[in-house]
Amino acid sequence: MKRIYAFICGICALSAFTSCENKEVEFDDFDYQTVYFAKQTPIRTIVLGDNVYPTELDNQHQFEVYATVGGVWKNRQDRTIQVAVDNSLVAGKTFENGSTIQALPEDYYELLSNTLTIPYGKVMGAVKVQLTDKFFDDAKATSLNYVLPLRIVGAKDSVLTGKDYILYGLKYINKYTGAWISHGTDEIDLNGVKSTETREAEYLEKNEIRYLTTEGLAVSNYSVPTTVEAYRYDDAAKAYKKTIVSLPCNLKLTFGQDESCTVVPSTAGCTGSGSGKWTLKGAKNAWGGKDRDEIVLNYTIDYEYTDYDPNNNWAAVQRHKIVKSADTLVMRDRQTKLETFVVK
């Protein structure tokens, strides 16, 4: 009988515990709510092509500017904010390097609405902006020169003082820009002495990293410096000494509609030519178990440099290092990061 009684008590206790439910604690909102721009000087890079994060808007030449609401535990209503372009916000202002901050020209964009909505259940909302072809045709848009200045001009909520505006820095990179893994074969003619260098590490990602930067929508710059041994005068020793000399060379890659490209040196002291082709996900299972974008290049570069002849009273002589390269580039990353700027 005692066992039965104990069993019944246990069941009752278990029922008591299981019948209790933790309810979500509801907090009251603050006495008033504010709307504002969380950051005043962000930099937005329009990333064309793929990236580790979604780029659908970027490839439509669009972006969104976000505002947020504070003073609520949970947003229980749609909140509308009126915004307007205010170029006076950048009048007479400069970037940290001293260059002038320029308001984004009116024909470079279209503000798709002057009303920004923070929807029920969310604490942020955005207004969408459409960029025009003129933005991408401007070489200055490949680096930070332009800013879209927006100000909150109306809201039912209070507007947070000092955060009622945003200077939205803008630039873009084309789909070829980024850090690339370079591997291949170089046939070298160093003043008549010929050799072949094969650049193939055991693991693809261990090969040399090279970089492409944006010059235009379909034009990229590719830096391919080399080194040679040459005599240079040492002021401290008051004598000529053989040293390692770096020879810069920048290649301009211009892509066509079929994604083939021409290769032309754009640096004084190097000449040559070549061709290539970009292929979306062309490097199959390249690294990290994923397909990667690929550029296959074939080019010849003549690096001309000055040396000094020890057998002819140190007379200056012109020498050449000619490199014929079969160069395959595999995309590693797009070199994008969170950025802000300083106003002076």
C-alpha atoms as a PDB file:
ATOM      1  CA  MET A   1       0.000   0.000   0.000  1.00  0.00           C
ATOM      2  CA  LYS A   2       2.833   2.367   0.871  1.00  0.00           C
ATOM      3  CA  ARG A   3       4.453   1.616  -2.501  1.00  0.00           C
ATOM      4  CA  ILE A   4       1.225   2.463  -4.337  1.00  0.00           C
ATOM      5  CA  TYR A   5       0.900   5.703  -2.397  1.00  0.00           C
ATOM      6  CA  ALA A   6       4.490   6.682  -3.178  1.00  0.00           C
ATOM      7  CA  PHE A   7       3.956   5.911  -6.874  1.00  0.00           C
ATOM      8  CA  ILE A   8       0.831   8.110  -7.001  1.00  0.00           C
ATOM      9  CA  CYS A   9       2.693  10.959  -5.287  1.00  0.00           C
ATOM     10  CA  GLY A  10       5.483  10.677  -7.838  1.00  0.00           C
ATOM     11  CA  ILE A  11       3.037  10.870 -10.727  1.00  0.00           C
ATOM     12  CA  CYS A  12       1.416  13.938  -9.211  1.00  0.00           C
ATOM     13  CA  ALA A  13       4.745  15.645  -8.737  1.00  0.00           C
ATOM     14  CA  LEU A  14       5.770  14.896 -12.334  1.00  0.00           C
ATOM     15  CA  SER A  15       2.460  16.261 -13.594  1.00  0.00           C
ATOM     16  CA  ALA A  16       2.996  19.420 -11.605  1.00  0.00           C
ATOM     17  CA  PHE A  17       6.401  19.967 -13.201  1.00  0.00           C
ATOM     18  CA  THR A  18       5.339  19.168 -16.751  1.00  0.00           C
ATOM     19  CA  SER A  19       2.244  21.346 -16.565  1.00  0.00           C
ATOM     20  CA  CYS A  20       4.367  24.422 -15.884  1.00  0.00           C
ATOM     21  CA  GLU A  21       5.463  26.322 -18.987  1.00  0.00           C
ATOM     22  CA  ASN A  22       7.981  29.146 -19.204  1.00  0.00           C
ATOM     23  CA  LYS A  23       6.288  32.118 -20.796  1.00  0.00           C
ATOM     24  CA  GLU A  24       8.252  34.634 -22.840  1.00  0.00           C
ATOM     25  CA  VAL A  25       8.924  37.654 -20.693  1.00  0.00           C
ATOM     26  CA  GLU A  26       7.373  40.786 -22.175  1.00  0.00           C
ATOM     27  CA  PHE A  27       9.172  44.058 -21.514  1.00  0.00           C
ATOM     28  CA  ASP A  28       7.726  47.494 -21.992  1.00  0.00           C
ATOM     29  CA  ASP A  29       9.242  49.694 -24.682  1.00  0.00           C
ATOM     30  CA  PHE A  30      11.101  52.814 -23.676  1.00  0.00           C
ATOM     31  CA  ASP A  31       9.116  56.021 -23.303  1.00  0.00           C
ATOM     32  CA  TYR A  32       9.984  57.074 -26.844  1.00  0.00           C
ATOM     33  CA  GLN A  33      11.491  55.512 -29.952  1.00  0.00           C
ATOM     34  CA  THR A  34      14.155  56.913 -32.245  1.00  0.00           C
ATOM     35  CA  VAL A  35      15.086  56.242 -35.842  1.00  0.00           C
ATOM     36  CA  TYR A  36      18.581  56.793 -37.180  1.00  0.00           C
ATOM     37  CA  PHE A  37      21.408  55.681 -39.457  1.00  0.00           C
ATOM     38  CA  ALA A  38      23.653  53.325 -37.476  1.00  0.00           C
ATOM     39  CA  LYS A  39      26.845  54.341 -39.333  1.00  0.00           C
ATOM     40  CA  GLN A  40      27.549  57.785 -40.739  1.00  0.00           C
ATOM     41  CA  THR A  41      30.478  57.055 -43.095  1.00  0.00           C
ATOM     42  CA  PRO A  42      30.347  53.481 -44.434  1.00  0.00           C
ATOM     43  CA  ILE A  43      31.956  52.475 -47.716  1.00  0.00           C
ATOM     44  CA  ARG A  44      29.895  50.296 -50.048  1.00  0.00           C
ATOM     45  CA  THR A  45      31.854  48.394 -52.676  1.00  0.00           C
ATOM     46  CA  ILE A  46      29.654  47.187 -55.524  1.00  0.00           C
ATOM     47  CA  VAL A  47      31.052  43.697 -56.150  1.00  0.00           C
ATOM     48  CA  LEU A  48      30.357  42.452 -59.678  1.00  0.00           C
ATOM     49  CA  GLY A  49      30.523  38.701 -60.199  1.00  0.00           C
ATOM     50  CA  ASP A  50      30.461  36.200 -57.338  1.00  0.00           C
ATOM     51  CA  ASN A  51      31.575  36.514 -53.736  1.00  0.00           C
ATOM     52  CA  VAL A  52      31.270  34.605 -50.460  1.00  0.00           C
ATOM     53  CA  TYR A  53      28.138  36.642 -49.709  1.00  0.00           C
ATOM     54  CA  PRO A  54      25.174  37.269 -52.062  1.00  0.00           C
ATOM     55  CA  THR A  55      25.815  39.747 -54.889  1.00  0.00           C
ATOM     56  CA  GLU A  56      22.453  39.688 -56.678  1.00  0.00           C
ATOM     57  CA  LEU A  57      21.818  43.389 -56.015  1.00  0.00           C
ATOM     58  CA  ASP A  58      25.377  44.297 -56.984  1.00  0.00           C
ATOM     59  CA  ASN A  59      25.045  42.565 -60.345  1.00  0.00           C
ATOM     60  CA  GLN A  60      21.820  44.510 -60.956  1.00  0.00           C
ATOM     61  CA  HIS A  61      23.847  47.668 -60.222  1.00  0.00           C
ATOM     62  CA  GLN A  62      21.780  48.329 -57.108  1.00  0.00           C
ATOM     63  CA  PHE A  63      22.385  48.777 -53.393  1.00  0.00           C
ATOM     64  CA  GLU A  64      20.350  49.500 -50.251  1.00  0.00           C
ATOM     65  CA  VAL A  65      20.832  52.101 -47.531  1.00  0.00           C
ATOM     66  CA  TYR A  66      19.560  50.969 -44.123  1.00  0.00           C
ATOM     67  CA  ALA A  67      18.100  52.874 -41.178  1.00  0.00           C
ATOM     68  CA  THR A  68      17.191  51.401 -37.794  1.00  0.00           C
ATOM     69  CA  VAL A  69      14.846  51.981 -34.861  1.00  0.00           C
ATOM     70  CA  GLY A  70      15.835  52.085 -31.196  1.00  0.00           C
ATOM     71  CA  GLY A  71      13.916  52.133 -27.937  1.00  0.00           C
ATOM     72  CA  VAL A  72      11.799  49.035 -28.579  1.00  0.00           C
ATOM     73  CA  TRP A  73      12.106  45.470 -27.337  1.00  0.00           C
ATOM     74  CA  LYS A  74      10.042  44.356 -30.301  1.00  0.00           C
ATOM     75  CA  ASN A  75       8.885  46.421 -33.238  1.00  0.00           C
ATOM     76  CA  ARG A  76       5.102  46.071 -33.313  1.00  0.00           C
ATOM     77  CA  GLN A  77       4.330  48.314 -36.280  1.00  0.00           C
ATOM     78  CA  ASP A  78       5.515  49.433 -39.689  1.00  0.00           C
ATOM     79  CA  ARG A  79       7.548  52.608 -39.343  1.00  0.00           C
ATOM     80  CA  THR A  80       8.076  54.958 -42.266  1.00  0.00           C
ATOM     81  CA  ILE A  81      10.935  57.397 -42.636  1.00  0.00           C
ATOM     82  CA  GLN A  82      11.295  60.101 -45.268  1.00  0.00           C
ATOM     83  CA  VAL A  83      14.797  60.595 -46.645  1.00  0.00           C
ATOM     84  CA  ALA A  84      16.274  63.102 -49.074  1.00  0.00           C
ATOM     85  CA  VAL A  85      19.575  63.688 -50.817  1.00  0.00           C
ATOM     86  CA  ASP A  86      21.421  66.590 -49.169  1.00  0.00           C
ATOM     87  CA  ASN A  87      24.595  67.532 -51.031  1.00  0.00           C
ATOM     88  CA  SER A  88      25.329  70.286 -48.506  1.00  0.00           C
ATOM     89  CA  LEU A  89      26.485  67.538 -46.137  1.00  0.00           C
ATOM     90  CA  VAL A  90      29.705  67.131 -48.153  1.00  0.00           C
ATOM     91  CA  ALA A  91      30.262  70.745 -49.246  1.00  0.00           C
ATOM     92  CA  GLY A  92      33.870  71.693 -48.527  1.00  0.00           C
ATOM     93  CA  LYS A  93      34.615  68.313 -46.934  1.00  0.00           C
ATOM     94  CA  THR A  94      37.642  66.126 -47.664  1.00  0.00           C
ATOM     95  CA  PHE A  95      38.699  62.557 -47.064  1.00  0.00           C
ATOM     96  CA  GLU A  96      41.487  61.789 -44.594  1.00  0.00           C
ATOM     97  CA  ASN A  97      44.069  61.909 -47.414  1.00  0.00           C
ATOM     98  CA  GLY A  98      43.014  65.463 -48.299  1.00  0.00           C
ATOM     99  CA  SER A  99      41.149  64.651 -51.512  1.00  0.00           C
ATOM    100  CA  THR A 100      37.768  66.298 -52.030  1.00  0.00           C
ATOM    101  CA  ILE A 101      34.611  64.388 -51.151  1.00  0.00           C
ATOM    102  CA  GLN A 102      32.348  64.574 -54.195  1.00  0.00           C
ATOM    103  CA  ALA A 103      28.589  64.143 -54.035  1.00  0.00           C
ATOM    104  CA  LEU A 104      27.475  61.361 -56.357  1.00  0.00           C
ATOM    105  CA  PRO A 105      26.349  63.113 -59.582  1.00  0.00           C
ATOM    106  CA  GLU A 106      22.574  63.112 -60.077  1.00  0.00           C
ATOM    107  CA  ASP A 107      22.788  61.264 -63.391  1.00  0.00           C
ATOM    108  CA  TYR A 108      24.820  58.441 -61.809  1.00  0.00           C
ATOM    109  CA  TYR A 109      21.908  57.055 -59.767  1.00  0.00           C
ATOM    110  CA  GLU A 110      18.180  56.975 -59.089  1.00  0.00           C
ATOM    111  CA  LEU A 111      16.767  56.922 -55.565  1.00  0.00           C
ATOM    112  CA  LEU A 112      13.907  54.458 -56.093  1.00  0.00           C
ATOM    113  CA  SER A 113      11.881  55.899 -53.219  1.00  0.00           C
ATOM    114  CA  ASN A 114      12.053  58.756 -50.750  1.00  0.00           C
ATOM    115  CA  THR A 115      10.287  56.623 -48.153  1.00  0.00           C
ATOM    116  CA  LEU A 116      12.077  53.990 -46.131  1.00  0.00           C
ATOM    117  CA  THR A 117       9.984  51.428 -44.231  1.00  0.00           C
ATOM    118  CA  ILE A 118      11.043  49.491 -41.150  1.00  0.00           C
ATOM    119  CA  PRO A 119       8.520  46.626 -41.239  1.00  0.00           C
ATOM    120  CA  TYR A 120       6.678  45.035 -38.321  1.00  0.00           C
ATOM    121  CA  GLY A 121       8.934  42.614 -36.433  1.00  0.00           C
ATOM    122  CA  LYS A 122      12.134  44.125 -37.846  1.00  0.00           C
ATOM    123  CA  VAL A 123      14.414  46.823 -36.495  1.00  0.00           C
ATOM    124  CA  MET A 124      15.910  47.829 -39.846  1.00  0.00           C
ATOM    125  CA  GLY A 125      14.574  48.933 -43.190  1.00  0.00           C
ATOM    126  CA  ALA A 126      16.163  50.102 -46.417  1.00  0.00           C
ATOM    127  CA  VAL A 127      15.732  52.354 -49.403  1.00  0.00           C
ATOM    128  CA  LYS A 128      16.978  50.989 -52.715  1.00  0.00           C
ATOM    129  CA  VAL A 129      19.232  52.903 -55.124  1.00  0.00           C
ATOM    130  CA  GLN A 130      19.794  52.120 -58.811  1.00  0.00           C
ATOM    131  CA  LEU A 131      23.154  53.060 -60.331  1.00  0.00           C
ATOM    132  CA  THR A 132      23.335  54.092 -63.993  1.00  0.00           C
ATOM    133  CA  ASP A 133      25.922  53.172 -66.610  1.00  0.00           C
ATOM    134  CA  LYS A 134      27.563  56.566 -66.142  1.00  0.00           C
ATOM    135  CA  PHE A 135      28.760  55.512 -62.696  1.00  0.00           C
ATOM    136  CA  PHE A 136      30.505  52.443 -64.103  1.00  0.00           C
ATOM    137  CA  ASP A 137      31.924  54.382 -67.058  1.00  0.00           C
ATOM    138  CA  ASP A 138      33.713  56.761 -64.678  1.00  0.00           C
ATOM    139  CA  ALA A 139      37.263  55.666 -63.794  1.00  0.00           C
ATOM    140  CA  LYS A 140      36.980  57.551 -60.493  1.00  0.00           C
ATOM    141  CA  ALA A 141      34.265  55.124 -59.382  1.00  0.00           C
ATOM    142  CA  THR A 142      36.853  52.340 -59.008  1.00  0.00           C
ATOM    143  CA  SER A 143      38.173  54.000 -55.848  1.00  0.00           C
ATOM    144  CA  LEU A 144      36.622  56.115 -53.104  1.00  0.00           C
ATOM    145  CA  ASN A 145      35.717  59.501 -54.567  1.00  0.00           C
ATOM    146  CA  TYR A 146      31.933  59.642 -54.536  1.00  0.00           C
ATOM    147  CA  VAL A 147      29.489  59.778 -51.627  1.00  0.00           C
ATOM    148  CA  LEU A 148      25.687  59.617 -51.606  1.00  0.00           C
ATOM    149  CA  PRO A 149      24.622  62.040 -48.819  1.00  0.00           C
ATOM    150  CA  LEU A 150      21.210  61.234 -47.340  1.00  0.00           C
ATOM    151  CA  ARG A 151      19.341  62.896 -44.503  1.00  0.00           C
ATOM    152  CA  ILE A 152      16.234  61.844 -42.554  1.00  0.00           C
ATOM    153  CA  VAL A 153      13.702  64.619 -43.184  1.00  0.00           C
ATOM    154  CA  GLY A 154      10.577  63.109 -41.670  1.00  0.00           C
ATOM    155  CA  ALA A 155       9.427  60.390 -39.251  1.00  0.00           C
ATOM    156  CA  LYS A 156       6.632  59.783 -36.718  1.00  0.00           C
ATOM    157  CA  ASP A 157       9.275  58.679 -34.219  1.00  0.00           C
ATOM    158  CA  SER A 158      11.990  60.911 -32.826  1.00  0.00           C
ATOM    159  CA  VAL A 159      15.125  61.230 -34.948  1.00  0.00           C
ATOM    160  CA  LEU A 160      18.368  60.570 -33.084  1.00  0.00           C
ATOM    161  CA  THR A 161      20.478  63.727 -33.076  1.00  0.00           C
ATOM    162  CA  GLY A 162      23.822  63.338 -34.825  1.00  0.00           C
ATOM    163  CA  LYS A 163      22.698  60.189 -36.610  1.00  0.00           C
ATOM    164  CA  ASP A 164      20.072  61.737 -38.843  1.00  0.00           C
ATOM    165  CA  TYR A 165      22.334  61.569 -41.905  1.00  0.00           C
ATOM    166  CA  ILE A 166      24.599  59.172 -43.744  1.00  0.00           C
ATOM    167  CA  LEU A 167      27.487  59.787 -46.130  1.00  0.00           C
ATOM    168  CA  TYR A 168      27.393  56.600 -48.154  1.00  0.00           C
ATOM    169  CA  GLY A 169      30.776  56.081 -49.827  1.00  0.00           C
ATOM    170  CA  LEU A 170      30.627  54.236 -53.152  1.00  0.00           C
ATOM    171  CA  LYS A 171      33.047  52.407 -55.423  1.00  0.00           C
ATOM    172  CA  TYR A 172      32.985  49.224 -57.490  1.00  0.00           C
ATOM    173  CA  ILE A 173      35.167  46.300 -58.537  1.00  0.00           C
ATOM    174  CA  ASN A 174      34.725  44.283 -61.717  1.00  0.00           C
ATOM    175  CA  LYS A 175      34.280  40.509 -61.680  1.00  0.00           C
ATOM    176  CA  TYR A 176      37.966  39.863 -62.387  1.00  0.00           C
ATOM    177  CA  THR A 177      39.276  41.712 -59.337  1.00  0.00           C
ATOM    178  CA  GLY A 178      40.726  39.760 -56.435  1.00  0.00           C
ATOM    179  CA  ALA A 179      43.522  37.545 -55.181  1.00  0.00           C
ATOM    180  CA  TRP A 180      44.368  34.778 -57.645  1.00  0.00           C
ATOM    181  CA  ILE A 181      46.457  31.632 -57.259  1.00  0.00           C
ATOM    182  CA  SER A 182      49.012  31.653 -60.083  1.00  0.00           C
ATOM    183  CA  HIS A 183      50.618  28.498 -61.478  1.00  0.00           C
ATOM    184  CA  GLY A 184      52.154  27.546 -64.805  1.00  0.00           C
ATOM    185  CA  THR A 185      55.391  27.550 -66.783  1.00  0.00           C
ATOM    186  CA  ASP A 186      57.795  30.399 -67.576  1.00  0.00           C
ATOM    187  CA  GLU A 187      60.384  30.160 -70.366  1.00  0.00           C
ATOM    188  CA  ILE A 188      63.106  32.670 -69.489  1.00  0.00           C
ATOM    189  CA  ASP A 189      65.777  34.248 -71.681  1.00  0.00           C
ATOM    190  CA  LEU A 190      68.134  36.258 -69.457  1.00  0.00           C
ATOM    191  CA  ASN A 191      70.520  38.035 -71.811  1.00  0.00           C
ATOM    192  CA  GLY A 192      70.864  34.903 -73.944  1.00  0.00           C
ATOM    193  CA  VAL A 193      70.900  32.392 -71.076  1.00  0.00           C
ATOM    194  CA  LYS A 194      67.764  30.274 -71.354  1.00  0.00           C
ATOM    195  CA  SER A 195      65.925  28.345 -68.655  1.00  0.00           C
ATOM    196  CA  THR A 196      62.467  27.041 -67.789  1.00  0.00           C
ATOM    197  CA  GLU A 197      60.696  27.559 -64.474  1.00  0.00           C
ATOM    198  CA  THR A 198      57.709  25.420 -63.554  1.00  0.00           C
ATOM    199  CA  ARG A 199      55.471  26.948 -60.895  1.00  0.00           C
ATOM    200  CA  GLU A 200      53.455  24.026 -59.539  1.00  0.00           C
ATOM    201  CA  ALA A 201      53.252  23.472 -55.779  1.00  0.00           C
ATOM    202  CA  GLU A 202      52.090  20.129 -54.360  1.00  0.00           C
ATOM    203  CA  TYR A 203      48.849  21.786 -53.327  1.00  0.00           C
ATOM    204  CA  LEU A 204      47.294  24.394 -55.619  1.00  0.00           C
ATOM    205  CA  GLU A 205      46.641  26.905 -52.813  1.00  0.00           C
ATOM    206  CA  LYS A 206      50.367  26.909 -51.931  1.00  0.00           C
ATOM    207  CA  ASN A 207      51.297  28.569 -55.223  1.00  0.00           C
ATOM    208  CA  GLU A 208      52.070  32.276 -55.563  1.00  0.00           C
ATOM    209  CA  ILE A 209      49.229  34.721 -54.928  1.00  0.00           C
ATOM    210  CA  ARG A 210      48.863  37.487 -57.496  1.00  0.00           C
ATOM    211  CA  TYR A 211      46.364  40.321 -57.703  1.00  0.00           C
ATOM    212  CA  LEU A 212      44.058  41.838 -60.293  1.00  0.00           C
ATOM    213  CA  THR A 213      42.605  45.294 -59.723  1.00  0.00           C
ATOM    214  CA  THR A 214      39.853  47.238 -61.486  1.00  0.00           C
ATOM    215  CA  GLU A 215      40.511  49.859 -64.139  1.00  0.00           C
ATOM    216  CA  GLY A 216      37.081  49.630 -65.759  1.00  0.00           C
ATOM    217  CA  LEU A 217      34.103  47.312 -66.154  1.00  0.00           C
ATOM    218  CA  ALA A 218      36.033  45.111 -68.588  1.00  0.00           C
ATOM    219  CA  VAL A 219      39.612  46.185 -67.870  1.00  0.00           C
ATOM    220  CA  SER A 220      41.870  44.895 -65.101  1.00  0.00           C
ATOM    221  CA  ASN A 221      45.452  45.520 -64.065  1.00  0.00           C
ATOM    222  CA  TYR A 222      47.716  42.547 -63.354  1.00  0.00           C
ATOM    223  CA  SER A 223      51.059  43.129 -61.636  1.00  0.00           C
ATOM    224  CA  VAL A 224      53.851  40.734 -62.707  1.00  0.00           C
ATOM    225  CA  PRO A 225      57.156  42.086 -61.340  1.00  0.00           C
ATOM    226  CA  THR A 226      60.392  40.133 -61.634  1.00  0.00           C
ATOM    227  CA  THR A 227      63.937  40.373 -60.262  1.00  0.00           C
ATOM    228  CA  VAL A 228      67.418  40.302 -61.786  1.00  0.00           C
ATOM    229  CA  GLU A 229      70.975  40.593 -60.553  1.00  0.00           C
ATOM    230  CA  ALA A 230      72.614  43.825 -61.663  1.00  0.00           C
ATOM    231  CA  TYR A 231      75.339  46.203 -60.569  1.00  0.00           C
ATOM    232  CA  ARG A 232      74.338  49.264 -58.591  1.00  0.00           C
ATOM    233  CA  TYR A 233      76.542  51.953 -57.077  1.00  0.00           C
ATOM    234  CA  ASP A 234      76.790  51.710 -53.285  1.00  0.00           C
ATOM    235  CA  ASP A 235      77.273  55.207 -51.860  1.00  0.00           C
ATOM    236  CA  ALA A 236      78.458  53.901 -48.493  1.00  0.00           C
ATOM    237  CA  ALA A 237      81.079  51.593 -50.012  1.00  0.00           C
ATOM    238  CA  LYS A 238      81.831  54.045 -52.843  1.00  0.00           C
ATOM    239  CA  ALA A 239      81.872  51.135 -55.264  1.00  0.00           C
ATOM    240  CA  TYR A 240      79.626  49.173 -57.616  1.00  0.00           C
ATOM    241  CA  LYS A 241      78.098  46.050 -56.111  1.00  0.00           C
ATOM    242  CA  LYS A 242      75.969  43.301 -57.580  1.00  0.00           C
ATOM    243  CA  THR A 243      72.509  43.362 -56.048  1.00  0.00           C
ATOM    244  CA  ILE A 244      68.977  42.080 -56.579  1.00  0.00           C
ATOM    245  CA  VAL A 245      66.964  44.608 -58.584  1.00  0.00           C
ATOM    246  CA  SER A 246      63.171  44.531 -58.796  1.00  0.00           C
ATOM    247  CA  LEU A 247      61.653  45.224 -62.217  1.00  0.00           C
ATOM    248  CA  PRO A 248      57.988  46.294 -62.112  1.00  0.00           C
ATOM    249  CA  CYS A 249      55.549  45.454 -64.869  1.00  0.00           C
ATOM    250  CA  ASN A 250      51.823  45.985 -64.991  1.00  0.00           C
ATOM    251  CA  LEU A 251      49.711  44.178 -67.571  1.00  0.00           C
ATOM    252  CA  LYS A 252      46.422  45.607 -68.803  1.00  0.00           C
ATOM    253  CA  LEU A 253      43.868  42.866 -69.416  1.00  0.00           C
ATOM    254  CA  THR A 254      40.970  43.998 -71.623  1.00  0.00           C
ATOM    255  CA  PHE A 255      38.073  41.527 -71.818  1.00  0.00           C
ATOM    256  CA  GLY A 256      35.564  41.174 -74.633  1.00  0.00           C
ATOM    257  CA  GLN A 257      31.967  39.948 -74.618  1.00  0.00           C
ATOM    258  CA  ASP A 258      33.155  36.347 -75.092  1.00  0.00           C
ATOM    259  CA  GLU A 259      35.417  36.771 -72.007  1.00  0.00           C
ATOM    260  CA  SER A 260      38.616  36.475 -74.051  1.00  0.00           C
ATOM    261  CA  CYS A 261      41.168  39.176 -73.323  1.00  0.00           C
ATOM    262  CA  THR A 262      44.155  40.951 -74.762  1.00  0.00           C
ATOM    263  CA  VAL A 263      47.283  41.416 -72.650  1.00  0.00           C
ATOM    264  CA  VAL A 264      49.349  44.587 -73.068  1.00  0.00           C
ATOM    265  CA  PRO A 265      52.062  45.921 -70.715  1.00  0.00           C
ATOM    266  CA  SER A 266      51.342  49.426 -69.409  1.00  0.00           C
ATOM    267  CA  THR A 267      54.554  50.064 -67.458  1.00  0.00           C
ATOM    268  CA  ALA A 268      57.587  51.876 -68.853  1.00  0.00           C
ATOM    269  CA  GLY A 269      60.518  49.503 -69.228  1.00  0.00           C
ATOM    270  CA  CYS A 270      58.535  46.420 -70.203  1.00  0.00           C
ATOM    271  CA  THR A 271      57.022  45.516 -73.558  1.00  0.00           C
ATOM    272  CA  GLY A 272      55.197  42.517 -74.949  1.00  0.00           C
ATOM    273  CA  SER A 273      51.782  41.097 -75.733  1.00  0.00           C
ATOM    274  CA  GLY A 274      49.502  38.180 -75.045  1.00  0.00           C
ATOM    275  CA  SER A 275      45.980  36.856 -74.782  1.00  0.00           C
ATOM    276  CA  GLY A 276      43.766  34.909 -72.426  1.00  0.00           C
ATOM    277  CA  LYS A 277      40.269  33.929 -71.359  1.00  0.00           C
ATOM    278  CA  TRP A 278      38.161  34.107 -68.178  1.00  0.00           C
ATOM    279  CA  THR A 279      35.846  31.175 -67.391  1.00  0.00           C
ATOM    280  CA  LEU A 280      33.187  31.158 -64.682  1.00  0.00           C
ATOM    281  CA  LYS A 281      33.929  28.203 -62.348  1.00  0.00           C
ATOM    282  CA  GLY A 282      36.433  26.995 -64.944  1.00  0.00           C
ATOM    283  CA  ALA A 283      38.812  25.459 -62.387  1.00  0.00           C
ATOM    284  CA  LYS A 284      36.953  22.293 -61.387  1.00  0.00           C
ATOM    285  CA  ASN A 285      37.278  21.124 -57.778  1.00  0.00           C
ATOM    286  CA  ALA A 286      40.218  23.514 -57.601  1.00  0.00           C
ATOM    287  CA  TRP A 287      40.581  23.871 -53.855  1.00  0.00           C
ATOM    288  CA  GLY A 288      38.346  23.588 -50.814  1.00  0.00           C
ATOM    289  CA  GLY A 289      36.274  21.046 -52.738  1.00  0.00           C
ATOM    290  CA  LYS A 290      34.738  23.783 -54.921  1.00  0.00           C
ATOM    291  CA  ASP A 291      34.893  24.964 -58.524  1.00  0.00           C
ATOM    292  CA  ARG A 292      36.583  28.356 -58.883  1.00  0.00           C
ATOM    293  CA  ASP A 293      36.752  31.079 -61.528  1.00  0.00           C
ATOM    294  CA  GLU A 294      39.758  30.728 -63.812  1.00  0.00           C
ATOM    295  CA  ILE A 295      41.796  32.929 -66.151  1.00  0.00           C
ATOM    296  CA  VAL A 296      44.174  31.232 -68.586  1.00  0.00           C
ATOM    297  CA  LEU A 297      46.835  33.595 -69.961  1.00  0.00           C
ATOM    298  CA  ASN A 298      49.654  33.304 -72.488  1.00  0.00           C
ATOM    299  CA  TYR A 299      51.970  36.292 -72.757  1.00  0.00           C
ATOM    300  CA  THR A 300      55.543  37.334 -73.471  1.00  0.00           C
ATOM    301  CA  ILE A 301      57.192  40.199 -71.589  1.00  0.00           C
ATOM    302  CA  ASP A 302      60.526  41.863 -72.308  1.00  0.00           C
ATOM    303  CA  TYR A 303      61.870  43.481 -69.137  1.00  0.00           C
ATOM    304  CA  GLU A 304      64.525  46.020 -70.082  1.00  0.00           C
ATOM    305  CA  TYR A 305      66.911  47.236 -67.388  1.00  0.00           C
ATOM    306  CA  THR A 306      70.188  49.075 -66.926  1.00  0.00           C
ATOM    307  CA  ASP A 307      73.330  47.281 -65.769  1.00  0.00           C
ATOM    308  CA  TYR A 308      76.928  48.494 -65.424  1.00  0.00           C
ATOM    309  CA  ASP A 309      79.837  46.731 -67.141  1.00  0.00           C
ATOM    310  CA  PRO A 310      82.830  46.067 -64.834  1.00  0.00           C
ATOM    311  CA  ASN A 311      84.983  45.305 -67.903  1.00  0.00           C
ATOM    312  CA  ASN A 312      84.264  48.629 -69.589  1.00  0.00           C
ATOM    313  CA  ASN A 313      84.926  51.188 -66.865  1.00  0.00           C
ATOM    314  CA  TRP A 314      81.427  50.635 -65.433  1.00  0.00           C
ATOM    315  CA  ALA A 315      79.710  51.936 -68.537  1.00  0.00           C
ATOM    316  CA  ALA A 316      75.915  51.680 -68.502  1.00  0.00           C
ATOM    317  CA  VAL A 317      74.496  48.897 -70.668  1.00  0.00           C
ATOM    318  CA  GLN A 318      70.913  47.891 -71.444  1.00  0.00           C
ATOM    319  CA  ARG A 319      70.005  44.300 -70.735  1.00  0.00           C
ATOM    320  CA  HIS A 320      66.877  42.189 -71.162  1.00  0.00           C
ATOM    321  CA  LYS A 321      64.969  39.495 -69.336  1.00  0.00           C
ATOM    322  CA  ILE A 322      62.371  37.958 -71.623  1.00  0.00           C
ATOM    323  CA  VAL A 323      59.679  35.792 -70.045  1.00  0.00           C
ATOM    324  CA  LYS A 324      57.252  33.686 -72.078  1.00  0.00           C
ATOM    325  CA  SER A 325      54.553  32.599 -69.647  1.00  0.00           C
ATOM    326  CA  ALA A 326      51.745  30.055 -69.707  1.00  0.00           C
ATOM    327  CA  ASP A 327      49.961  31.390 -66.640  1.00  0.00           C
ATOM    328  CA  THR A 328      46.800  29.964 -65.092  1.00  0.00           C
ATOM    329  CA  LEU A 329      45.006  31.995 -62.430  1.00  0.00           C
ATOM    330  CA  VAL A 330      42.515  30.415 -60.012  1.00  0.00           C
ATOM    331  CA  MET A 331      40.324  32.671 -57.882  1.00  0.00           C
ATOM    332  CA  ARG A 332      41.132  32.638 -54.161  1.00  0.00           C
ATOM    333  CA  ASP A 333      39.076  35.567 -52.844  1.00  0.00           C
ATOM    334  CA  ARG A 334      37.636  38.926 -53.908  1.00  0.00           C
ATOM    335  CA  GLN A 335      39.644  41.043 -51.415  1.00  0.00           C
ATOM    336  CA  THR A 336      36.562  42.738 -49.970  1.00  0.00           C
ATOM    337  CA  LYS A 337      36.200  43.876 -46.377  1.00  0.00           C
ATOM    338  CA  LEU A 338      34.140  46.137 -44.135  1.00  0.00           C
ATOM    339  CA  GLU A 339      35.331  49.730 -44.596  1.00  0.00           C
ATOM    340  CA  THR A 340      34.516  53.200 -43.334  1.00  0.00           C
ATOM    341  CA  PHE A 341      36.093  56.583 -44.040  1.00  0.00           C
ATOM    342  CA  VAL A 342      37.012  59.705 -42.093  1.00  0.00           C
ATOM    343  CA  VAL A 343      35.683  63.167 -42.951  1.00  0.00           C
ATOM    344  CA  LYS A 344      37.944  66.185 -42.521  1.00  0.00           C
END
